[in-house]
Amino acid sequence: MRRLALASGALTLALGFARAASAETLDIEAVARLALQSGPELRAAREHAEAAHAQSKSAGGRLLPSVHVSDEYQHWDRPFAIGFPGLGLFVARKQDTNTFVVAGRQPLLGLLRGAHEYDAAGANAEAAKVSVKVGEADTREMVELEYLRLFQAKARVDIARAAEQELTQEVTETQARVKAGAQTNADLLRIQVAAAGARQDGIVADAEATVHRANLLAAIGRAPEETTTQFEPPTALLARVDVPVPAGSDALARRPEMKQATLRADAAEHEESARTFALLPEVDLEAAYQRVNGQVFAQESSAFVGIKADWAIWEWGASYNAKQAASAEARAAAADVEATRRRVLTEVTSAKAELAAVANAVALANQTIASAQEAYRVTAAQVRAGSGTTTDLLNAESALTQARLQLENARYAQAAVRVQLEHAMGGR
């Protein structure tokens, strides 16, 4: 039995060491890095960028000469022979024939269309590359805001527990005063109800913290219910100095969304030009070498160089309507650039105004909490001395709790607005 107990203790100790070894504490930078690496949306954006780059290279390759090789072997049911009087049969085609062709083609007039298609594909490839940066900026903002929400909820839990502890102490003291006849059971019940309300507030805040924690874990590719990963407090985000705000034109130059919209508009313009040139005839330079075996009347080896023109003069307006569609897309892309410009400027202006407002709220909350703490201390002393009422005590405690909440909410709101302003300006 002693050996069994020792083995059980050793196993418990080993499991404890294993859990401690598997535990991990992450700060905001580590969380953001993991989210950028593991996010499926970002992986998809990177693959789209790779595909767009390959499409750009494909469009460039179509500007160069193309070479085609073909070899055709045919086994006929019988040789083809021609009879001549007095001469007998003359075999014009053997039963087995073979035709080998090497042909090259270089577009001439089509280069006008192809060059614009290549430029459009290049602009789209650059826009796809920028879209990765857009996704990374959005992901970082989302992670930082969710990180702040997690610890804001934890701060609310701490405030609720502090209020509960204060009220629990008051319950104990009130019970003693009730026994002494200094207060009534109604006073005791009111304080007990207030303590239960503080406990309920803590439960609600703890549930919100669990939700925000699950969101962060999902963002870094881990199971939402996983318990070993811990997060460090966002000290750097809360202590970050005020964000220097550049001019609106600087924000426009730094925001990847503006570059993305501009590149897409450029691609749409090139696509419109390509569809315009597609209305012209196709003129290609051609050259070929052909070798024929098994046919007497066909030249065994031959080659040619020439020019081929092809013009679809009637196709029910397909090319014309494609050009009209490309024109509409170009106008839409230009409108998107203007819409993005207005949105960026609005986001910067709004974030600047919100930052000024929350800075004032933090200063006011710092002043209010000191007064609320002193008011609660004085009121509690008056109640103990018998000169204060339960109503005064509950009002003072409620005011102190609200002051604590206002301060924490203002601090986290200030940090969140700083994050949003940095995102609006194009990131750090």
Protein backbone atom coordinates (compact mmCIF):
# COMPACT_ATOMS: atom_id res chain seq x y z
CA MET A 1 0.00 0.00 0.00
CA ARG A 2 2.87 2.36 0.77
CA ARG A 3 4.42 1.65 -2.65
CA LEU A 4 1.04 2.24 -4.29
CA ALA A 5 0.64 5.55 -2.50
CA LEU A 6 4.16 6.62 -3.49
CA ALA A 7 3.52 5.68 -7.12
CA SER A 8 0.23 7.59 -7.09
CA GLY A 9 1.97 10.63 -5.62
CA ALA A 10 4.74 10.45 -8.22
CA LEU A 11 2.17 10.21 -11.02
CA THR A 12 0.28 13.21 -9.69
CA LEU A 13 3.51 15.20 -9.43
CA ALA A 14 4.51 14.21 -12.98
CA LEU A 15 1.11 15.25 -14.35
CA GLY A 16 1.45 18.56 -12.55
CA PHE A 17 4.86 19.15 -14.10
CA ALA A 18 3.46 18.20 -17.54
CA ARG A 19 0.61 20.68 -17.20
CA ALA A 20 3.01 23.37 -16.07
CA ALA A 21 5.29 22.63 -19.02
CA SER A 22 2.41 22.78 -21.49
CA ALA A 23 1.09 26.07 -20.11
CA GLU A 24 1.97 29.11 -22.19
CA THR A 25 1.65 32.82 -21.51
CA LEU A 26 1.30 35.09 -24.53
CA ASP A 27 1.48 38.84 -24.81
CA ILE A 28 -0.37 40.93 -27.37
CA GLU A 29 2.50 40.85 -29.89
CA ALA A 30 2.72 37.05 -29.73
CA VAL A 31 -1.05 36.75 -30.16
CA ALA A 32 -1.00 39.11 -33.16
CA ARG A 33 1.89 37.19 -34.72
CA LEU A 34 0.12 33.84 -34.31
CA ALA A 35 -3.11 35.27 -35.71
CA LEU A 36 -1.27 36.59 -38.78
CA GLN A 37 0.39 33.22 -39.32
CA SER A 38 -2.59 30.92 -38.75
CA GLY A 39 -5.57 32.92 -39.98
CA PRO A 40 -7.32 31.03 -42.82
CA GLU A 41 -8.51 34.29 -44.39
CA LEU A 42 -4.95 35.55 -44.61
CA ARG A 43 -3.74 32.23 -46.01
CA ALA A 44 -6.44 32.48 -48.67
CA ALA A 45 -5.42 36.08 -49.45
CA ARG A 46 -1.80 35.01 -49.87
CA GLU A 47 -2.83 32.20 -52.21
CA HIS A 48 -4.98 34.63 -54.21
CA ALA A 49 -1.96 36.93 -54.49
CA GLU A 50 0.18 34.03 -55.72
CA ALA A 51 -2.48 33.10 -58.27
CA ALA A 52 -2.73 36.70 -59.49
CA HIS A 53 1.06 36.84 -59.89
CA ALA A 54 0.97 33.64 -61.97
CA GLN A 55 -1.85 35.07 -64.10
CA SER A 56 0.25 38.19 -64.71
CA LYS A 57 3.14 36.05 -65.93
CA SER A 58 0.72 34.10 -68.11
CA ALA A 59 -0.54 37.31 -69.72
CA GLY A 60 3.04 38.40 -70.39
CA GLY A 61 3.85 35.08 -72.01
CA ARG A 62 1.05 35.54 -74.53
CA LEU A 63 2.91 38.56 -75.95
CA LEU A 64 5.81 36.36 -77.06
CA PRO A 65 5.96 34.01 -80.06
CA SER A 66 4.26 30.68 -79.57
CA VAL A 67 5.60 27.43 -81.07
CA HIS A 68 3.38 24.40 -81.69
CA VAL A 69 4.56 20.91 -82.59
CA SER A 70 2.24 18.24 -83.97
CA ASP A 71 2.80 14.77 -85.35
CA GLU A 72 0.00 12.77 -86.98
CA TYR A 73 0.33 9.08 -87.87
CA GLN A 74 -2.41 7.43 -90.00
CA HIS A 75 -2.89 3.79 -90.94
CA TRP A 76 -5.29 3.55 -93.92
CA ASP A 77 -7.43 0.58 -94.90
CA ARG A 78 -5.30 0.16 -98.03
CA PRO A 79 -2.79 2.05 -100.13
CA PHE A 80 -4.08 4.55 -102.68
CA ALA A 81 -2.94 3.54 -106.15
CA ILE A 82 -3.60 5.13 -109.55
CA GLY A 83 -3.71 2.95 -112.68
CA PHE A 84 -2.11 4.17 -115.93
CA PRO A 85 -2.77 2.31 -119.23
CA GLY A 86 0.25 0.35 -120.21
CA LEU A 87 2.13 1.38 -117.05
CA GLY A 88 0.27 -0.49 -114.37
CA LEU A 89 -0.51 0.84 -110.91
CA PHE A 90 1.24 3.83 -109.36
CA VAL A 91 1.04 4.10 -105.53
CA ALA A 92 0.16 7.73 -104.70
CA ARG A 93 -0.35 7.18 -100.95
CA LYS A 94 1.04 4.39 -98.87
CA GLN A 95 -1.04 2.55 -96.32
CA ASP A 96 0.93 4.23 -93.48
CA THR A 97 1.44 8.00 -93.59
CA ASN A 98 2.94 10.49 -91.17
CA THR A 99 2.77 14.29 -91.04
CA PHE A 100 5.07 16.28 -88.73
CA VAL A 101 4.58 20.06 -88.35
CA VAL A 102 6.47 22.73 -86.39
CA ALA A 103 4.60 26.07 -86.50
CA GLY A 104 5.28 29.45 -84.88
CA ARG A 105 3.00 32.43 -84.43
CA GLN A 106 3.68 35.99 -83.30
CA PRO A 107 0.75 38.36 -82.73
CA LEU A 108 1.21 41.75 -84.38
CA LEU A 109 -1.91 43.88 -84.06
CA GLY A 110 -2.92 41.71 -81.10
CA LEU A 111 0.04 43.12 -79.18
CA LEU A 112 -2.02 46.24 -78.53
CA ARG A 113 -4.67 44.22 -76.74
CA GLY A 114 -2.17 41.86 -75.14
CA ALA A 115 -0.05 44.66 -73.68
CA HIS A 116 -3.06 46.14 -71.89
CA GLU A 117 -4.14 42.70 -70.69
CA TYR A 118 -0.64 42.22 -69.28
CA ASP A 119 -0.75 45.60 -67.54
CA ALA A 120 -4.20 44.83 -66.15
CA ALA A 121 -3.02 41.46 -64.82
CA GLY A 122 0.05 43.12 -63.28
CA ALA A 123 -2.08 45.74 -61.54
CA ASN A 124 -4.43 43.03 -60.28
CA ALA A 125 -1.44 41.07 -58.97
CA GLU A 126 -0.19 44.11 -57.08
CA ALA A 127 -3.70 44.75 -55.74
CA ALA A 128 -3.87 41.14 -54.54
CA LYS A 129 -0.52 41.57 -52.80
CA VAL A 130 -1.77 44.74 -51.10
CA SER A 131 -4.96 42.94 -50.08
CA VAL A 132 -2.77 40.71 -47.90
CA LYS A 133 -1.54 43.82 -46.09
CA VAL A 134 -5.12 45.01 -45.73
CA GLY A 135 -6.07 41.68 -44.19
CA GLU A 136 -3.06 41.76 -41.87
CA ALA A 137 -3.94 45.27 -40.67
CA ASP A 138 -7.57 44.27 -40.08
CA THR A 139 -6.48 41.13 -38.22
CA ARG A 140 -4.10 43.06 -35.98
CA GLU A 141 -6.79 45.62 -35.16
CA MET A 142 -9.31 42.85 -34.41
CA VAL A 143 -6.86 40.99 -32.16
CA GLU A 144 -5.83 44.09 -30.24
CA LEU A 145 -9.43 45.17 -29.69
CA GLU A 146 -10.47 41.67 -28.59
CA TYR A 147 -7.46 41.54 -26.28
CA LEU A 148 -8.56 44.81 -24.68
CA ARG A 149 -12.16 43.57 -24.36
CA LEU A 150 -10.92 40.44 -22.57
CA PHE A 151 -9.04 42.39 -19.92
CA GLN A 152 -11.76 45.00 -19.66
CA ALA A 153 -14.15 42.19 -18.76
CA LYS A 154 -11.59 40.87 -16.26
CA ALA A 155 -11.37 44.34 -14.72
CA ARG A 156 -15.14 44.35 -14.35
CA VAL A 157 -14.89 40.97 -12.60
CA ASP A 158 -12.33 42.41 -10.17
CA ILE A 159 -14.50 45.46 -9.49
CA ALA A 160 -17.54 43.29 -8.87
CA ARG A 161 -15.55 41.10 -6.48
CA ALA A 162 -14.22 44.13 -4.64
CA ALA A 163 -17.76 45.44 -4.24
CA GLU A 164 -18.91 42.02 -3.11
CA GLN A 165 -16.13 41.82 -0.51
CA GLU A 166 -16.95 45.30 0.79
CA LEU A 167 -20.64 44.48 1.04
CA THR A 168 -19.92 41.11 2.61
CA GLN A 169 -17.94 42.89 5.30
CA GLU A 170 -20.84 45.26 5.78
CA VAL A 171 -23.20 42.27 6.06
CA THR A 172 -21.08 40.88 8.90
CA GLU A 173 -20.97 44.20 10.70
CA THR A 174 -24.68 44.82 10.14
CA GLN A 175 -25.53 41.40 11.58
CA ALA A 176 -23.70 42.41 14.73
CA ARG A 177 -25.52 45.72 14.91
CA VAL A 178 -28.86 43.96 14.36
CA LYS A 179 -28.14 41.72 17.33
CA ALA A 180 -27.24 44.80 19.36
CA GLY A 181 -30.49 46.47 18.30
CA ALA A 182 -28.77 49.33 16.50
CA GLN A 183 -30.19 48.32 13.10
CA THR A 184 -33.10 46.29 11.76
CA ASN A 185 -33.38 43.14 9.68
CA ALA A 186 -34.55 45.29 6.78
CA ASP A 187 -31.16 47.01 6.77
CA LEU A 188 -29.44 43.64 6.75
CA LEU A 189 -31.57 42.34 3.90
CA ARG A 190 -30.90 45.41 1.76
CA ILE A 191 -27.14 44.98 2.14
CA GLN A 192 -27.41 41.24 1.41
CA VAL A 193 -29.36 42.02 -1.77
CA ALA A 194 -26.69 44.51 -2.82
CA ALA A 195 -23.96 41.89 -2.21
CA ALA A 196 -25.88 39.36 -4.32
CA GLY A 197 -26.20 41.95 -7.09
CA ALA A 198 -22.43 42.53 -7.04
CA ARG A 199 -21.89 38.76 -7.23
CA GLN A 200 -24.24 38.60 -10.24
CA ASP A 201 -22.35 41.42 -11.97
CA GLY A 202 -19.15 39.43 -11.51
CA ILE A 203 -20.73 36.33 -13.03
CA VAL A 204 -21.89 38.27 -16.09
CA ALA A 205 -18.47 39.92 -16.55
CA ASP A 206 -16.73 36.54 -16.16
CA ALA A 207 -18.94 35.07 -18.89
CA GLU A 208 -18.00 37.95 -21.21
CA ALA A 209 -14.32 37.36 -20.46
CA THR A 210 -14.77 33.69 -21.38
CA VAL A 211 -16.30 34.67 -24.73
CA HIS A 212 -13.49 37.13 -25.55
CA ARG A 213 -10.88 34.55 -24.52
CA ALA A 214 -12.48 31.99 -26.83
CA ASN A 215 -12.40 34.51 -29.69
CA LEU A 216 -8.68 35.11 -29.16
CA LEU A 217 -7.90 31.41 -28.99
CA ALA A 218 -9.84 30.81 -32.20
CA ALA A 219 -7.97 33.68 -33.87
CA ILE A 220 -4.60 32.03 -33.16
CA GLY A 221 -5.78 28.60 -34.30
CA ARG A 222 -6.37 26.99 -30.92
CA ALA A 223 -9.41 25.31 -29.44
CA PRO A 224 -11.76 27.91 -27.89
CA GLU A 225 -12.20 25.77 -24.77
CA GLU A 226 -8.44 25.28 -24.26
CA THR A 227 -7.32 26.29 -20.74
CA THR A 228 -3.51 26.09 -20.74
CA THR A 229 -2.87 29.27 -22.73
CA GLN A 230 -2.74 32.43 -20.64
CA PHE A 231 -2.56 36.05 -21.72
CA GLU A 232 -0.46 38.79 -20.23
CA PRO A 233 -2.20 42.05 -19.27
CA PRO A 234 -2.17 44.64 -22.10
CA THR A 235 0.15 46.96 -20.19
CA ALA A 236 1.78 48.32 -23.33
CA LEU A 237 -1.57 49.09 -24.98
CA LEU A 238 -2.89 50.83 -21.87
CA ALA A 239 0.30 52.79 -21.29
CA ARG A 240 0.85 53.78 -24.91
CA VAL A 241 1.29 57.51 -25.31
CA ASP A 242 -1.11 59.48 -27.44
CA VAL A 243 -0.85 58.60 -31.10
CA PRO A 244 0.72 61.34 -33.23
CA VAL A 245 -1.92 62.22 -35.79
CA PRO A 246 -0.62 63.09 -39.27
CA ALA A 247 -2.47 65.08 -41.85
CA GLY A 248 -5.25 63.43 -43.79
CA SER A 249 -3.10 63.27 -46.92
CA ASP A 250 -0.47 61.27 -44.99
CA ALA A 251 -3.12 58.79 -43.88
CA LEU A 252 -4.28 58.43 -47.48
CA ALA A 253 -0.72 57.66 -48.57
CA ARG A 254 -0.21 55.06 -45.82
CA ARG A 255 -3.50 53.19 -45.95
CA PRO A 256 -3.16 49.99 -48.02
CA GLU A 257 -6.86 50.21 -48.90
CA MET A 258 -6.16 53.35 -50.92
CA LYS A 259 -3.33 51.68 -52.84
CA GLN A 260 -5.49 48.62 -53.41
CA ALA A 261 -8.39 50.69 -54.79
CA THR A 262 -6.03 52.69 -57.03
CA LEU A 263 -4.44 49.52 -58.43
CA ARG A 264 -7.84 47.99 -59.13
CA ALA A 265 -8.90 51.16 -60.93
CA ASP A 266 -5.69 51.03 -62.98
CA ALA A 267 -6.37 47.40 -63.85
CA ALA A 268 -9.93 48.24 -64.89
CA GLU A 269 -8.67 51.01 -67.20
CA HIS A 270 -6.22 48.65 -68.89
CA GLU A 271 -8.93 46.03 -69.23
CA GLU A 272 -11.17 48.61 -70.92
CA SER A 273 -8.36 49.46 -73.38
CA ALA A 274 -7.77 45.76 -74.05
CA ARG A 275 -11.45 45.22 -74.87
CA THR A 276 -11.34 48.25 -77.19
CA PHE A 277 -8.39 46.85 -79.14
CA ALA A 278 -10.13 43.47 -79.23
CA LEU A 279 -12.58 45.04 -81.69
CA LEU A 280 -9.75 45.24 -84.27
CA PRO A 281 -8.85 42.33 -86.56
CA GLU A 282 -6.28 39.79 -85.49
CA VAL A 283 -3.07 40.03 -87.55
CA ASP A 284 -0.40 37.42 -86.81
CA LEU A 285 2.98 36.56 -88.28
CA GLU A 286 3.17 32.83 -88.98
CA ALA A 287 5.94 30.40 -89.92
CA ALA A 288 5.90 26.61 -90.17
CA TYR A 289 7.93 23.60 -91.20
CA GLN A 290 6.16 20.42 -92.41
CA ARG A 291 7.46 16.96 -93.22
CA VAL A 292 5.19 14.40 -94.91
CA ASN A 293 5.97 10.71 -95.28
CA GLY A 294 3.93 8.14 -97.21
CA GLN A 295 2.32 10.48 -99.80
CA VAL A 296 3.97 10.75 -103.19
CA PHE A 297 2.20 13.91 -104.38
CA ALA A 298 2.91 15.82 -101.17
CA GLN A 299 6.29 17.54 -100.82
CA GLU A 300 8.31 15.64 -98.28
CA SER A 301 9.80 18.74 -96.57
CA SER A 302 8.39 22.25 -96.85
CA ALA A 303 8.30 25.53 -94.93
CA PHE A 304 6.55 28.89 -95.19
CA VAL A 305 6.43 32.37 -93.64
CA GLY A 306 3.30 34.49 -93.90
CA ILE A 307 0.80 36.83 -92.32
CA LYS A 308 -2.65 35.77 -91.24
CA ALA A 309 -5.55 38.20 -90.72
CA ASP A 310 -8.76 37.20 -88.96
CA TRP A 311 -11.66 39.50 -88.17
CA ALA A 312 -14.96 38.43 -86.65
CA ILE A 313 -17.19 40.94 -88.41
CA TRP A 314 -20.43 39.54 -86.96
CA GLU A 315 -20.68 37.92 -83.55
CA TRP A 316 -23.94 39.45 -82.28
CA GLY A 317 -22.18 42.28 -80.47
CA ALA A 318 -20.26 40.01 -78.08
CA SER A 319 -16.97 41.97 -78.30
CA TYR A 320 -18.72 45.34 -78.26
CA ASN A 321 -20.73 44.48 -75.15
CA ALA A 322 -17.58 43.14 -73.48
CA LYS A 323 -16.00 46.52 -74.14
CA GLN A 324 -19.05 48.30 -72.68
CA ALA A 325 -18.88 46.09 -69.60
CA ALA A 326 -15.19 46.88 -69.15
CA SER A 327 -15.96 50.61 -69.43
CA ALA A 328 -18.59 50.34 -66.71
CA GLU A 329 -16.17 48.41 -64.49
CA ALA A 330 -13.55 51.14 -64.99
CA ARG A 331 -16.03 53.82 -63.93
CA ALA A 332 -17.04 51.74 -60.92
CA ALA A 333 -13.40 51.26 -59.89
CA ALA A 334 -12.79 55.01 -60.11
CA ALA A 335 -15.83 55.57 -57.89
CA ASP A 336 -14.44 53.00 -55.42
CA VAL A 337 -11.23 55.02 -55.16
CA GLU A 338 -13.18 58.14 -54.22
CA ALA A 339 -15.36 56.19 -51.78
CA THR A 340 -12.27 54.71 -50.12
CA ARG A 341 -10.67 58.15 -49.87
CA ARG A 342 -13.73 59.58 -48.14
CA ARG A 343 -13.98 56.60 -45.80
CA VAL A 344 -10.33 56.87 -44.75
CA LEU A 345 -10.61 60.58 -44.04
CA THR A 346 -13.83 60.02 -42.08
CA GLU A 347 -12.25 57.24 -40.00
CA VAL A 348 -9.25 59.41 -39.12
CA THR A 349 -11.42 62.40 -38.20
CA SER A 350 -13.79 60.28 -36.11
CA ALA A 351 -10.95 58.51 -34.30
CA LYS A 352 -9.25 61.82 -33.50
CA ALA A 353 -12.48 63.20 -32.03
CA GLU A 354 -13.11 60.03 -30.02
CA LEU A 355 -9.54 60.05 -28.69
CA ALA A 356 -9.97 63.60 -27.39
CA ALA A 357 -13.28 62.65 -25.77
CA VAL A 358 -11.99 59.52 -24.01
CA ALA A 359 -8.89 61.39 -22.79
CA ASN A 360 -11.21 63.83 -21.01
CA ALA A 361 -13.26 60.90 -19.70
CA VAL A 362 -10.13 59.29 -18.20
CA ALA A 363 -9.13 62.53 -16.47
CA LEU A 364 -12.63 63.00 -15.08
CA ALA A 365 -12.84 59.37 -13.92
CA ASN A 366 -9.54 59.71 -12.04
CA GLN A 367 -10.94 62.70 -10.19
CA THR A 368 -14.28 61.02 -9.50
CA ILE A 369 -12.90 57.80 -8.06
CA ALA A 370 -10.88 59.59 -5.39
CA SER A 371 -14.01 61.44 -4.25
CA ALA A 372 -16.08 58.24 -4.34
CA GLN A 373 -13.53 56.34 -2.25
CA GLU A 374 -13.45 59.07 0.38
CA ALA A 375 -17.25 59.33 0.41
CA TYR A 376 -17.59 55.59 0.96
CA ARG A 377 -15.01 55.61 3.75
CA VAL A 378 -16.74 58.47 5.56
CA THR A 379 -20.21 56.97 5.10
CA ALA A 380 -19.09 53.57 6.39
CA ALA A 381 -17.60 55.24 9.47
CA GLN A 382 -20.83 57.17 10.04
CA VAL A 383 -22.87 53.97 9.82
CA ARG A 384 -20.62 52.28 12.36
CA ALA A 385 -20.98 55.30 14.65
CA GLY A 386 -24.74 55.17 14.29
CA SER A 387 -25.08 58.54 12.57
CA GLY A 388 -25.46 57.17 9.04
CA THR A 389 -28.15 55.07 7.37
CA THR A 390 -28.05 51.95 5.29
CA THR A 391 -29.36 53.94 2.35
CA ASP A 392 -26.40 56.31 2.62
CA LEU A 393 -24.00 53.35 2.74
CA LEU A 394 -25.52 51.61 -0.27
CA ASN A 395 -25.56 54.85 -2.26
CA ALA A 396 -21.90 55.46 -1.42
CA GLU A 397 -20.92 51.91 -2.32
CA SER A 398 -22.85 52.10 -5.60
CA ALA A 399 -21.18 55.40 -6.44
CA LEU A 400 -17.75 53.92 -5.70
CA THR A 401 -18.44 50.88 -7.90
CA GLN A 402 -19.66 53.10 -10.73
CA ALA A 403 -16.59 55.30 -10.40
CA ARG A 404 -14.33 52.25 -10.62
CA LEU A 405 -16.22 51.01 -13.68
CA GLN A 406 -16.10 54.41 -15.33
CA LEU A 407 -12.35 54.63 -14.82
CA GLU A 408 -11.66 51.16 -16.22
CA ASN A 409 -14.08 51.65 -19.11
CA ALA A 410 -12.46 54.99 -19.92
CA ARG A 411 -8.92 53.53 -19.79
CA TYR A 412 -9.80 50.63 -22.07
CA ALA A 413 -11.86 52.86 -24.36
CA GLN A 414 -8.86 55.16 -24.71
CA ALA A 415 -6.62 52.23 -25.61
CA ALA A 416 -9.19 50.92 -28.11
CA VAL A 417 -9.52 54.31 -29.80
CA ARG A 418 -5.73 54.53 -30.06
CA VAL A 419 -5.72 51.15 -31.80
CA GLN A 420 -8.47 52.29 -34.17
CA LEU A 421 -6.70 55.56 -34.89
CA GLU A 422 -3.45 53.77 -35.69
CA HIS A 423 -5.36 51.48 -38.05
CA ALA A 424 -7.05 54.50 -39.65
CA MET A 425 -3.65 56.08 -40.24
CA GLY A 426 -2.24 52.96 -41.90
CA GLY A 427 -0.73 51.03 -39.00
CA ARG A 428 2.40 51.37 -36.96
